[in-house]
Amino acid sequence: METAYKSYLCVVCGYLYHEAEGCPDDGIVPGTRWEDVPINWTCPECGARKEDFEMIAV
């Protein structure tokens, strides 16, 4: 059974990364799970690091 997609909030600027949408402008295709996002990826809005994101319930 497929696990539901999750969303992650940048605690610096409030940008939301949705696994279902990915971040195509950064080469992250829709459906990319958070654990599969490269460790060196940064927030497209403010440049915060991946570790500055927290999973949220939407």
PDB file of N, CA and C in Angstrom:
ATOM      1  N   MET A   1       0.829  -1.192   0.000  1.00  0.00           N
ATOM      2  CA  MET A   1       0.000   0.000   0.000  1.00  0.00           C
ATOM      3  C   MET A   1       0.869   1.249   0.000  1.00  0.00           C
ATOM      4  N   GLU A   2       0.533   2.183  -0.851  1.00  0.00           N
ATOM      5  CA  GLU A   2       1.291   3.422  -0.976  1.00  0.00           C
ATOM      6  C   GLU A   2       1.013   4.346   0.208  1.00  0.00           C
ATOM      7  N   THR A   3       2.069   4.879   0.781  1.00  0.00           N
ATOM      8  CA  THR A   3       1.932   5.819   1.889  1.00  0.00           C
ATOM      9  C   THR A   3       1.526   7.189   1.341  1.00  0.00           C
ATOM     10  N   ALA A   4       0.677   7.876   2.061  1.00  0.00           N
ATOM     11  CA  ALA A   4       0.231   9.198   1.630  1.00  0.00           C
ATOM     12  C   ALA A   4       1.414  10.160   1.556  1.00  0.00           C
ATOM     13  N   TYR A   5       1.319  11.090   0.624  1.00  0.00           N
ATOM     14  CA  TYR A   5       2.359  12.109   0.505  1.00  0.00           C
ATOM     15  C   TYR A   5       2.301  13.045   1.698  1.00  0.00           C
ATOM     16  N   LYS A   6       3.450  13.581   2.061  1.00  0.00           N
ATOM     17  CA  LYS A   6       3.562  14.494   3.201  1.00  0.00           C
ATOM     18  C   LYS A   6       4.022  15.861   2.713  1.00  0.00           C
ATOM     19  N   SER A   7       3.916  16.840   3.601  1.00  0.00           N
ATOM     20  CA  SER A   7       4.371  18.194   3.311  1.00  0.00           C
ATOM     21  C   SER A   7       5.356  18.615   4.384  1.00  0.00           C
ATOM     22  N   TYR A   8       6.306  19.433   3.983  1.00  0.00           N
ATOM     23  CA  TYR A   8       7.366  19.889   4.888  1.00  0.00           C
ATOM     24  C   TYR A   8       7.458  21.405   4.816  1.00  0.00           C
ATOM     25  N   LEU A   9       7.537  22.031   5.985  1.00  0.00           N
ATOM     26  CA  LEU A   9       7.536  23.482   6.122  1.00  0.00           C
ATOM     27  C   LEU A   9       8.936  23.988   6.403  1.00  0.00           C
ATOM     28  N   CYS A  10       9.356  25.002   5.649  1.00  0.00           N
ATOM     29  CA  CYS A  10      10.608  25.692   5.952  1.00  0.00           C
ATOM     30  C   CYS A  10      10.340  26.581   7.164  1.00  0.00           C
ATOM     31  N   VAL A  11      11.034  26.321   8.268  1.00  0.00           N
ATOM     32  CA  VAL A  11      10.790  27.090   9.481  1.00  0.00           C
ATOM     33  C   VAL A  11      11.379  28.496   9.398  1.00  0.00           C
ATOM     34  N   VAL A  12      12.169  28.759   8.362  1.00  0.00           N
ATOM     35  CA  VAL A  12      12.762  30.085   8.196  1.00  0.00           C
ATOM     36  C   VAL A  12      11.804  31.033   7.484  1.00  0.00           C
ATOM     37  N   CYS A  13      11.213  30.563   6.347  1.00  0.00           N
ATOM     38  CA  CYS A  13      10.396  31.482   5.543  1.00  0.00           C
ATOM     39  C   CYS A  13       8.952  31.030   5.327  1.00  0.00           C
ATOM     40  N   GLY A  14       8.631  29.789   5.676  1.00  0.00           N
ATOM     41  CA  GLY A  14       7.263  29.309   5.505  1.00  0.00           C
ATOM     42  C   GLY A  14       6.990  28.613   4.186  1.00  0.00           C
ATOM     43  N   TYR A  15       8.008  28.406   3.347  1.00  0.00           N
ATOM     44  CA  TYR A  15       7.828  27.684   2.085  1.00  0.00           C
ATOM     45  C   TYR A  15       7.395  26.256   2.387  1.00  0.00           C
ATOM     46  N   LEU A  16       6.468  25.737   1.598  1.00  0.00           N
ATOM     47  CA  LEU A  16       6.005  24.359   1.773  1.00  0.00           C
ATOM     48  C   LEU A  16       6.510  23.483   0.636  1.00  0.00           C
ATOM     49  N   TYR A  17       7.175  22.388   0.992  1.00  0.00           N
ATOM     50  CA  TYR A  17       7.546  21.367   0.024  1.00  0.00           C
ATOM     51  C   TYR A  17       6.509  20.268   0.126  1.00  0.00           C
ATOM     52  N   HIS A  18       5.807  20.022  -0.961  1.00  0.00           N
ATOM     53  CA  HIS A  18       4.809  18.955  -1.014  1.00  0.00           C
ATOM     54  C   HIS A  18       5.405  17.809  -1.822  1.00  0.00           C
ATOM     55  N   GLU A  19       5.468  16.625  -1.208  1.00  0.00           N
ATOM     56  CA  GLU A  19       6.039  15.478  -1.921  1.00  0.00           C
ATOM     57  C   GLU A  19       5.297  15.210  -3.230  1.00  0.00           C
ATOM     58  N   ALA A  20       3.986  15.378  -3.238  1.00  0.00           N
ATOM     59  CA  ALA A  20       3.193  15.114  -4.438  1.00  0.00           C
ATOM     60  C   ALA A  20       3.560  16.058  -5.583  1.00  0.00           C
ATOM     61  N   GLU A  21       3.979  17.279  -5.254  1.00  0.00           N
ATOM     62  CA  GLU A  21       4.298  18.287  -6.275  1.00  0.00           C
ATOM     63  C   GLU A  21       5.781  18.348  -6.604  1.00  0.00           C
ATOM     64  N   GLY A  22       6.635  17.949  -5.665  1.00  0.00           N
ATOM     65  CA  GLY A  22       8.072  18.055  -5.870  1.00  0.00           C
ATOM     66  C   GLY A  22       8.490  19.503  -6.004  1.00  0.00           C
ATOM     67  N   CYS A  23       9.594  19.726  -6.685  1.00  0.00           N
ATOM     68  CA  CYS A  23      10.092  21.081  -6.949  1.00  0.00           C
ATOM     69  C   CYS A  23      10.750  21.038  -8.327  1.00  0.00           C
ATOM     70  N   PRO A  24       9.911  20.966  -9.387  1.00  0.00           N
ATOM     71  CA  PRO A  24      10.444  20.783 -10.740  1.00  0.00           C
ATOM     72  C   PRO A  24      11.490  21.821 -11.161  1.00  0.00           C
ATOM     73  N   ASP A  25      11.367  23.055 -10.675  1.00  0.00           N
ATOM     74  CA  ASP A  25      12.349  24.082 -11.030  1.00  0.00           C
ATOM     75  C   ASP A  25      13.747  23.736 -10.521  1.00  0.00           C
ATOM     76  N   ASP A  26      13.806  22.892  -9.489  1.00  0.00           N
ATOM     77  CA  ASP A  26      15.084  22.454  -8.933  1.00  0.00           C
ATOM     78  C   ASP A  26      15.431  21.026  -9.363  1.00  0.00           C
ATOM     79  N   GLY A  27      14.655  20.477 -10.310  1.00  0.00           N
ATOM     80  CA  GLY A  27      14.930  19.140 -10.810  1.00  0.00           C
ATOM     81  C   GLY A  27      14.389  18.022  -9.929  1.00  0.00           C
ATOM     82  N   ILE A  28      13.500  18.361  -8.993  1.00  0.00           N
ATOM     83  CA  ILE A  28      12.900  17.351  -8.116  1.00  0.00           C
ATOM     84  C   ILE A  28      11.503  17.065  -8.643  1.00  0.00           C
ATOM     85  N   VAL A  29      11.345  15.896  -9.226  1.00  0.00           N
ATOM     86  CA  VAL A  29      10.100  15.552  -9.907  1.00  0.00           C
ATOM     87  C   VAL A  29       8.961  15.332  -8.919  1.00  0.00           C
ATOM     88  N   PRO A  30       7.715  15.579  -9.361  1.00  0.00           N
ATOM     89  CA  PRO A  30       6.564  15.299  -8.499  1.00  0.00           C
ATOM     90  C   PRO A  30       6.583  13.854  -8.015  1.00  0.00           C
ATOM     91  N   GLY A  31       6.214  13.665  -6.762  1.00  0.00           N
ATOM     92  CA  GLY A  31       6.211  12.340  -6.167  1.00  0.00           C
ATOM     93  C   GLY A  31       7.499  11.991  -5.445  1.00  0.00           C
ATOM     94  N   THR A  32       8.476  12.907  -5.427  1.00  0.00           N
ATOM     95  CA  THR A  32       9.742  12.645  -4.746  1.00  0.00           C
ATOM     96  C   THR A  32       9.543  12.747  -3.238  1.00  0.00           C
ATOM     97  N   ARG A  33       9.805  11.645  -2.550  1.00  0.00           N
ATOM     98  CA  ARG A  33       9.685  11.610  -1.096  1.00  0.00           C
ATOM     99  C   ARG A  33      10.774  12.468  -0.462  1.00  0.00           C
ATOM    100  N   TRP A  34      10.468  13.001   0.701  1.00  0.00           N
ATOM    101  CA  TRP A  34      11.395  13.899   1.393  1.00  0.00           C
ATOM    102  C   TRP A  34      12.758  13.239   1.602  1.00  0.00           C
ATOM    103  N   GLU A  35      12.756  11.964   1.971  1.00  0.00           N
ATOM    104  CA  GLU A  35      14.033  11.287   2.212  1.00  0.00           C
ATOM    105  C   GLU A  35      14.848  11.126   0.931  1.00  0.00           C
ATOM    106  N   ASP A  36      14.208  11.275  -0.230  1.00  0.00           N
ATOM    107  CA  ASP A  36      14.917  11.170  -1.511  1.00  0.00           C
ATOM    108  C   ASP A  36      15.354  12.516  -2.069  1.00  0.00           C
ATOM    109  N   VAL A  37      14.961  13.603  -1.398  1.00  0.00           N
ATOM    110  CA  VAL A  37      15.429  14.933  -1.804  1.00  0.00           C
ATOM    111  C   VAL A  37      16.910  15.018  -1.411  1.00  0.00           C
ATOM    112  N   PRO A  38      17.776  15.483  -2.312  1.00  0.00           N
ATOM    113  CA  PRO A  38      19.210  15.536  -1.999  1.00  0.00           C
ATOM    114  C   PRO A  38      19.491  16.332  -0.724  1.00  0.00           C
ATOM    115  N   ILE A  39      20.455  15.874   0.053  1.00  0.00           N
ATOM    116  CA  ILE A  39      20.799  16.510   1.321  1.00  0.00           C
ATOM    117  C   ILE A  39      21.284  17.946   1.127  1.00  0.00           C
ATOM    118  N   ASN A  40      21.846  18.238  -0.048  1.00  0.00           N
ATOM    119  CA  ASN A  40      22.360  19.585  -0.299  1.00  0.00           C
ATOM    120  C   ASN A  40      21.319  20.513  -0.928  1.00  0.00           C
ATOM    121  N   TRP A  41      20.071  20.043  -1.076  1.00  0.00           N
ATOM    122  CA  TRP A  41      18.998  20.878  -1.606  1.00  0.00           C
ATOM    123  C   TRP A  41      18.705  21.997  -0.620  1.00  0.00           C
ATOM    124  N   THR A  42      18.400  23.177  -1.139  1.00  0.00           N
ATOM    125  CA  THR A  42      18.059  24.300  -0.274  1.00  0.00           C
ATOM    126  C   THR A  42      16.696  24.860  -0.661  1.00  0.00           C
ATOM    127  N   CYS A  43      16.074  25.542   0.270  1.00  0.00           N
ATOM    128  CA  CYS A  43      14.770  26.144   0.050  1.00  0.00           C
ATOM    129  C   CYS A  43      14.846  27.108  -1.136  1.00  0.00           C
ATOM    130  N   PRO A  44      13.941  26.970  -2.107  1.00  0.00           N
ATOM    131  CA  PRO A  44      13.973  27.857  -3.270  1.00  0.00           C
ATOM    132  C   PRO A  44      13.583  29.302  -2.938  1.00  0.00           C
ATOM    133  N   GLU A  45      12.975  29.515  -1.786  1.00  0.00           N
ATOM    134  CA  GLU A  45      12.561  30.869  -1.396  1.00  0.00           C
ATOM    135  C   GLU A  45      13.641  31.614  -0.617  1.00  0.00           C
ATOM    136  N   CYS A  46      14.300  30.922   0.327  1.00  0.00           N
ATOM    137  CA  CYS A  46      15.223  31.643   1.204  1.00  0.00           C
ATOM    138  C   CYS A  46      16.614  31.023   1.301  1.00  0.00           C
ATOM    139  N   GLY A  47      16.796  29.842   0.716  1.00  0.00           N
ATOM    140  CA  GLY A  47      18.105  29.198   0.752  1.00  0.00           C
ATOM    141  C   GLY A  47      18.387  28.404   2.016  1.00  0.00           C
ATOM    142  N   ALA A  48      17.363  28.214   2.864  1.00  0.00           N
ATOM    143  CA  ALA A  48      17.563  27.424   4.084  1.00  0.00           C
ATOM    144  C   ALA A  48      17.902  25.981   3.721  1.00  0.00           C
ATOM    145  N   ARG A  49      18.592  25.318   4.617  1.00  0.00           N
ATOM    146  CA  ARG A  49      18.992  23.930   4.383  1.00  0.00           C
ATOM    147  C   ARG A  49      17.837  22.970   4.640  1.00  0.00           C
ATOM    148  N   LYS A  50      17.978  21.771   4.117  1.00  0.00           N
ATOM    149  CA  LYS A  50      16.951  20.741   4.280  1.00  0.00           C
ATOM    150  C   LYS A  50      16.650  20.476   5.755  1.00  0.00           C
ATOM    151  N   GLU A  51      17.645  20.588   6.590  1.00  0.00           N
ATOM    152  CA  GLU A  51      17.447  20.343   8.027  1.00  0.00           C
ATOM    153  C   GLU A  51      16.589  21.412   8.691  1.00  0.00           C
ATOM    154  N   ASP A  52      16.330  22.514   7.981  1.00  0.00           N
ATOM    155  CA  ASP A  52      15.486  23.585   8.507  1.00  0.00           C
ATOM    156  C   ASP A  52      13.999  23.397   8.147  1.00  0.00           C
ATOM    157  N   PHE A  53      13.647  22.213   7.683  1.00  0.00           N
ATOM    158  CA  PHE A  53      12.265  21.887   7.347  1.00  0.00           C
ATOM    159  C   PHE A  53      11.701  20.928   8.384  1.00  0.00           C
ATOM    160  N   GLU A  54      10.400  21.063   8.645  1.00  0.00           N
ATOM    161  CA  GLU A  54       9.708  20.159   9.559  1.00  0.00           C
ATOM    162  C   GLU A  54       8.468  19.628   8.878  1.00  0.00           C
ATOM    163  N   MET A  55       8.160  18.334   9.099  1.00  0.00           N
ATOM    164  CA  MET A  55       6.966  17.763   8.537  1.00  0.00           C
ATOM    165  C   MET A  55       5.745  18.393   9.216  1.00  0.00           C
ATOM    166  N   ILE A  56       4.724  18.667   8.411  1.00  0.00           N
ATOM    167  CA  ILE A  56       3.489  19.232   8.963  1.00  0.00           C
ATOM    168  C   ILE A  56       2.302  18.420   8.496  1.00  0.00           C
ATOM    169  N   ALA A  57       1.239  18.508   9.228  1.00  0.00           N
ATOM    170  CA  ALA A  57      -0.021  17.869   8.828  1.00  0.00           C
ATOM    171  C   ALA A  57      -0.859  18.910   8.113  1.00  0.00           C
ATOM    172  N   VAL A  58      -1.360  18.532   6.951  1.00  0.00           N
ATOM    173  CA  VAL A  58      -2.211  19.483   6.192  1.00  0.00           C
ATOM    174  C   VAL A  58      -3.584  18.889   5.981  1.00  0.00           C
TER     175      VAL A  58
END
